[in-house]
Amino acid sequence: MTTNQTRIVLQWVHIVFGLVILCYIYSPFSKYLLFQIFIKFIVVPVIVLTGLWLWKFKEFNKFLRIKS
């Protein structure tokens, strides 16, 4: 996978999980405990990691030893 393809995949993951956050905010599903746990422990960390990876792409790839 090239770096351009990696960035595109990361961007789409970031967008999709951002939409899940919007669903959590604006839908009645936020009342359910299982959905709250899913948001807090899966969605938010994934959004943070993909956002950092997109921001510091070169450093993350160097840390993970992904060739450019």
N, C-alpha and C. Protein backbone atom coordinates (compact mmCIF):
# COMPACT_ATOMS: atom_id res chain seq x y z
N MET A 1 0.85 -1.17 0.00
CA MET A 1 0.00 0.00 0.00
C MET A 1 0.90 1.24 0.00
N THR A 2 0.62 2.15 -0.90
CA THR A 2 1.44 3.35 -0.98
C THR A 2 1.03 4.34 0.11
N THR A 3 1.85 5.35 0.30
CA THR A 3 1.54 6.34 1.33
C THR A 3 0.28 7.12 0.99
N ASN A 4 0.06 7.35 -0.30
CA ASN A 4 -1.15 8.06 -0.71
C ASN A 4 -2.40 7.24 -0.38
N GLN A 5 -2.36 5.96 -0.64
CA GLN A 5 -3.48 5.09 -0.32
C GLN A 5 -3.69 5.01 1.20
N THR A 6 -2.60 4.98 1.94
CA THR A 6 -2.69 4.94 3.40
C THR A 6 -3.38 6.19 3.92
N ARG A 7 -3.00 7.35 3.39
CA ARG A 7 -3.62 8.61 3.83
C ARG A 7 -5.11 8.62 3.50
N ILE A 8 -5.49 8.12 2.33
CA ILE A 8 -6.90 8.10 1.94
C ILE A 8 -7.70 7.19 2.87
N VAL A 9 -7.15 6.03 3.19
CA VAL A 9 -7.83 5.11 4.12
C VAL A 9 -7.97 5.76 5.50
N LEU A 10 -6.91 6.38 5.98
CA LEU A 10 -6.96 7.05 7.28
C LEU A 10 -7.98 8.18 7.29
N GLN A 11 -8.05 8.94 6.21
CA GLN A 11 -9.02 10.03 6.13
C GLN A 11 -10.44 9.50 6.19
N TRP A 12 -10.72 8.41 5.46
CA TRP A 12 -12.07 7.85 5.47
C TRP A 12 -12.43 7.24 6.81
N VAL A 13 -11.49 6.60 7.46
CA VAL A 13 -11.75 6.06 8.80
C VAL A 13 -12.07 7.20 9.75
N HIS A 14 -11.30 8.27 9.66
CA HIS A 14 -11.51 9.45 10.51
C HIS A 14 -12.89 10.07 10.25
N ILE A 15 -13.28 10.18 9.00
CA ILE A 15 -14.59 10.75 8.65
C ILE A 15 -15.73 9.86 9.13
N VAL A 16 -15.63 8.56 8.90
CA VAL A 16 -16.71 7.65 9.28
C VAL A 16 -16.90 7.62 10.80
N PHE A 17 -15.80 7.57 11.54
CA PHE A 17 -15.93 7.56 12.99
C PHE A 17 -16.40 8.92 13.51
N GLY A 18 -16.07 9.99 12.80
CA GLY A 18 -16.61 11.30 13.15
C GLY A 18 -18.12 11.33 12.96
N LEU A 19 -18.61 10.67 11.93
CA LEU A 19 -20.06 10.58 11.72
C LEU A 19 -20.72 9.76 12.83
N VAL A 20 -20.02 8.75 13.33
CA VAL A 20 -20.55 7.97 14.46
C VAL A 20 -20.68 8.87 15.69
N ILE A 21 -19.71 9.76 15.90
CA ILE A 21 -19.78 10.72 17.02
C ILE A 21 -21.00 11.62 16.85
N LEU A 22 -21.24 12.09 15.62
CA LEU A 22 -22.42 12.92 15.37
C LEU A 22 -23.70 12.14 15.64
N CYS A 23 -23.72 10.87 15.29
CA CYS A 23 -24.87 10.03 15.58
C CYS A 23 -25.07 9.92 17.09
N TYR A 24 -23.99 9.81 17.82
CA TYR A 24 -24.07 9.74 19.28
C TYR A 24 -24.64 11.03 19.87
N ILE A 25 -24.24 12.15 19.32
CA ILE A 25 -24.69 13.44 19.86
C ILE A 25 -26.15 13.71 19.54
N TYR A 26 -26.56 13.45 18.30
CA TYR A 26 -27.87 13.89 17.84
C TYR A 26 -28.94 12.80 17.80
N SER A 27 -28.64 11.59 18.21
CA SER A 27 -29.65 10.54 18.15
C SER A 27 -30.05 10.10 19.56
N PRO A 28 -31.16 9.40 19.64
CA PRO A 28 -31.56 8.88 20.96
C PRO A 28 -30.74 7.67 21.42
N PHE A 29 -29.82 7.18 20.56
CA PHE A 29 -29.00 6.03 20.94
C PHE A 29 -28.03 6.35 22.07
N SER A 30 -27.81 7.62 22.34
CA SER A 30 -26.86 7.99 23.38
C SER A 30 -27.33 7.57 24.78
N LYS A 31 -28.57 7.17 24.89
CA LYS A 31 -29.10 6.72 26.19
C LYS A 31 -28.67 5.30 26.53
N TYR A 32 -28.24 4.54 25.51
CA TYR A 32 -27.89 3.14 25.72
C TYR A 32 -26.45 3.00 26.21
N LEU A 33 -26.28 2.24 27.26
CA LEU A 33 -24.96 2.08 27.88
C LEU A 33 -23.95 1.43 26.93
N LEU A 34 -24.37 0.43 26.17
CA LEU A 34 -23.45 -0.25 25.25
C LEU A 34 -22.93 0.71 24.19
N PHE A 35 -23.79 1.58 23.67
CA PHE A 35 -23.37 2.56 22.67
C PHE A 35 -22.42 3.58 23.29
N GLN A 36 -22.67 3.97 24.53
CA GLN A 36 -21.78 4.91 25.22
C GLN A 36 -20.39 4.30 25.41
N ILE A 37 -20.34 3.03 25.80
CA ILE A 37 -19.06 2.36 25.98
C ILE A 37 -18.33 2.24 24.65
N PHE A 38 -19.06 1.91 23.57
CA PHE A 38 -18.47 1.83 22.24
C PHE A 38 -17.86 3.16 21.83
N ILE A 39 -18.56 4.24 22.08
CA ILE A 39 -18.06 5.58 21.73
C ILE A 39 -16.83 5.93 22.55
N LYS A 40 -16.90 5.71 23.85
CA LYS A 40 -15.82 6.14 24.74
C LYS A 40 -14.53 5.34 24.57
N PHE A 41 -14.64 4.04 24.34
CA PHE A 41 -13.46 3.20 24.36
C PHE A 41 -12.99 2.73 22.99
N ILE A 42 -13.77 2.93 21.95
CA ILE A 42 -13.36 2.52 20.62
C ILE A 42 -13.31 3.71 19.66
N VAL A 43 -14.41 4.44 19.56
CA VAL A 43 -14.51 5.50 18.55
C VAL A 43 -13.58 6.67 18.87
N VAL A 44 -13.61 7.18 20.07
CA VAL A 44 -12.78 8.35 20.41
C VAL A 44 -11.29 8.03 20.28
N PRO A 45 -10.79 6.91 20.79
CA PRO A 45 -9.36 6.62 20.57
C PRO A 45 -8.98 6.46 19.10
N VAL A 46 -9.87 5.85 18.30
CA VAL A 46 -9.58 5.70 16.87
C VAL A 46 -9.53 7.06 16.20
N ILE A 47 -10.44 7.96 16.54
CA ILE A 47 -10.42 9.30 15.96
C ILE A 47 -9.15 10.04 16.36
N VAL A 48 -8.76 9.92 17.60
CA VAL A 48 -7.54 10.60 18.06
C VAL A 48 -6.32 10.03 17.34
N LEU A 49 -6.21 8.71 17.26
CA LEU A 49 -5.04 8.11 16.60
C LEU A 49 -4.98 8.41 15.11
N THR A 50 -6.12 8.34 14.42
CA THR A 50 -6.09 8.66 12.99
C THR A 50 -5.81 10.13 12.76
N GLY A 51 -6.33 10.99 13.62
CA GLY A 51 -6.05 12.41 13.50
C GLY A 51 -4.58 12.72 13.70
N LEU A 52 -3.97 12.12 14.72
CA LEU A 52 -2.54 12.31 14.95
C LEU A 52 -1.72 11.72 13.81
N TRP A 53 -2.15 10.57 13.31
CA TRP A 53 -1.42 9.93 12.22
C TRP A 53 -1.48 10.79 10.96
N LEU A 54 -2.63 11.38 10.68
CA LEU A 54 -2.74 12.26 9.52
C LEU A 54 -1.92 13.53 9.71
N TRP A 55 -1.86 14.02 10.92
CA TRP A 55 -1.14 15.26 11.21
C TRP A 55 0.37 15.04 11.13
N LYS A 56 0.84 13.99 11.78
CA LYS A 56 2.27 13.68 11.83
C LYS A 56 2.55 12.39 11.06
N PHE A 57 2.16 12.39 9.79
CA PHE A 57 2.21 11.19 8.97
C PHE A 57 3.62 10.62 8.84
N LYS A 58 4.58 11.47 8.57
CA LYS A 58 5.96 11.01 8.36
C LYS A 58 6.54 10.40 9.64
N GLU A 59 6.30 11.04 10.79
CA GLU A 59 6.83 10.53 12.04
C GLU A 59 6.19 9.20 12.44
N PHE A 60 4.86 9.08 12.22
CA PHE A 60 4.19 7.81 12.54
C PHE A 60 4.73 6.69 11.67
N ASN A 61 4.92 6.97 10.37
CA ASN A 61 5.44 5.95 9.49
C ASN A 61 6.87 5.55 9.86
N LYS A 62 7.66 6.53 10.30
CA LYS A 62 9.01 6.22 10.75
C LYS A 62 8.97 5.38 12.02
N PHE A 63 8.05 5.72 12.93
CA PHE A 63 7.90 4.98 14.19
C PHE A 63 7.44 3.54 13.91
N LEU A 64 6.51 3.39 12.98
CA LEU A 64 6.00 2.05 12.62
C LEU A 64 6.84 1.36 11.56
N ARG A 65 7.88 2.07 11.08
CA ARG A 65 8.82 1.56 10.07
C ARG A 65 8.12 1.19 8.78
N ILE A 66 7.21 2.06 8.35
CA ILE A 66 6.55 1.88 7.06
C ILE A 66 7.34 2.65 6.03
N LYS A 67 7.68 2.00 4.95
CA LYS A 67 8.49 2.64 3.90
C LYS A 67 7.62 3.60 3.10
N SER A 68 8.20 4.73 2.73
CA SER A 68 7.49 5.73 1.94
C SER A 68 7.55 5.39 0.46
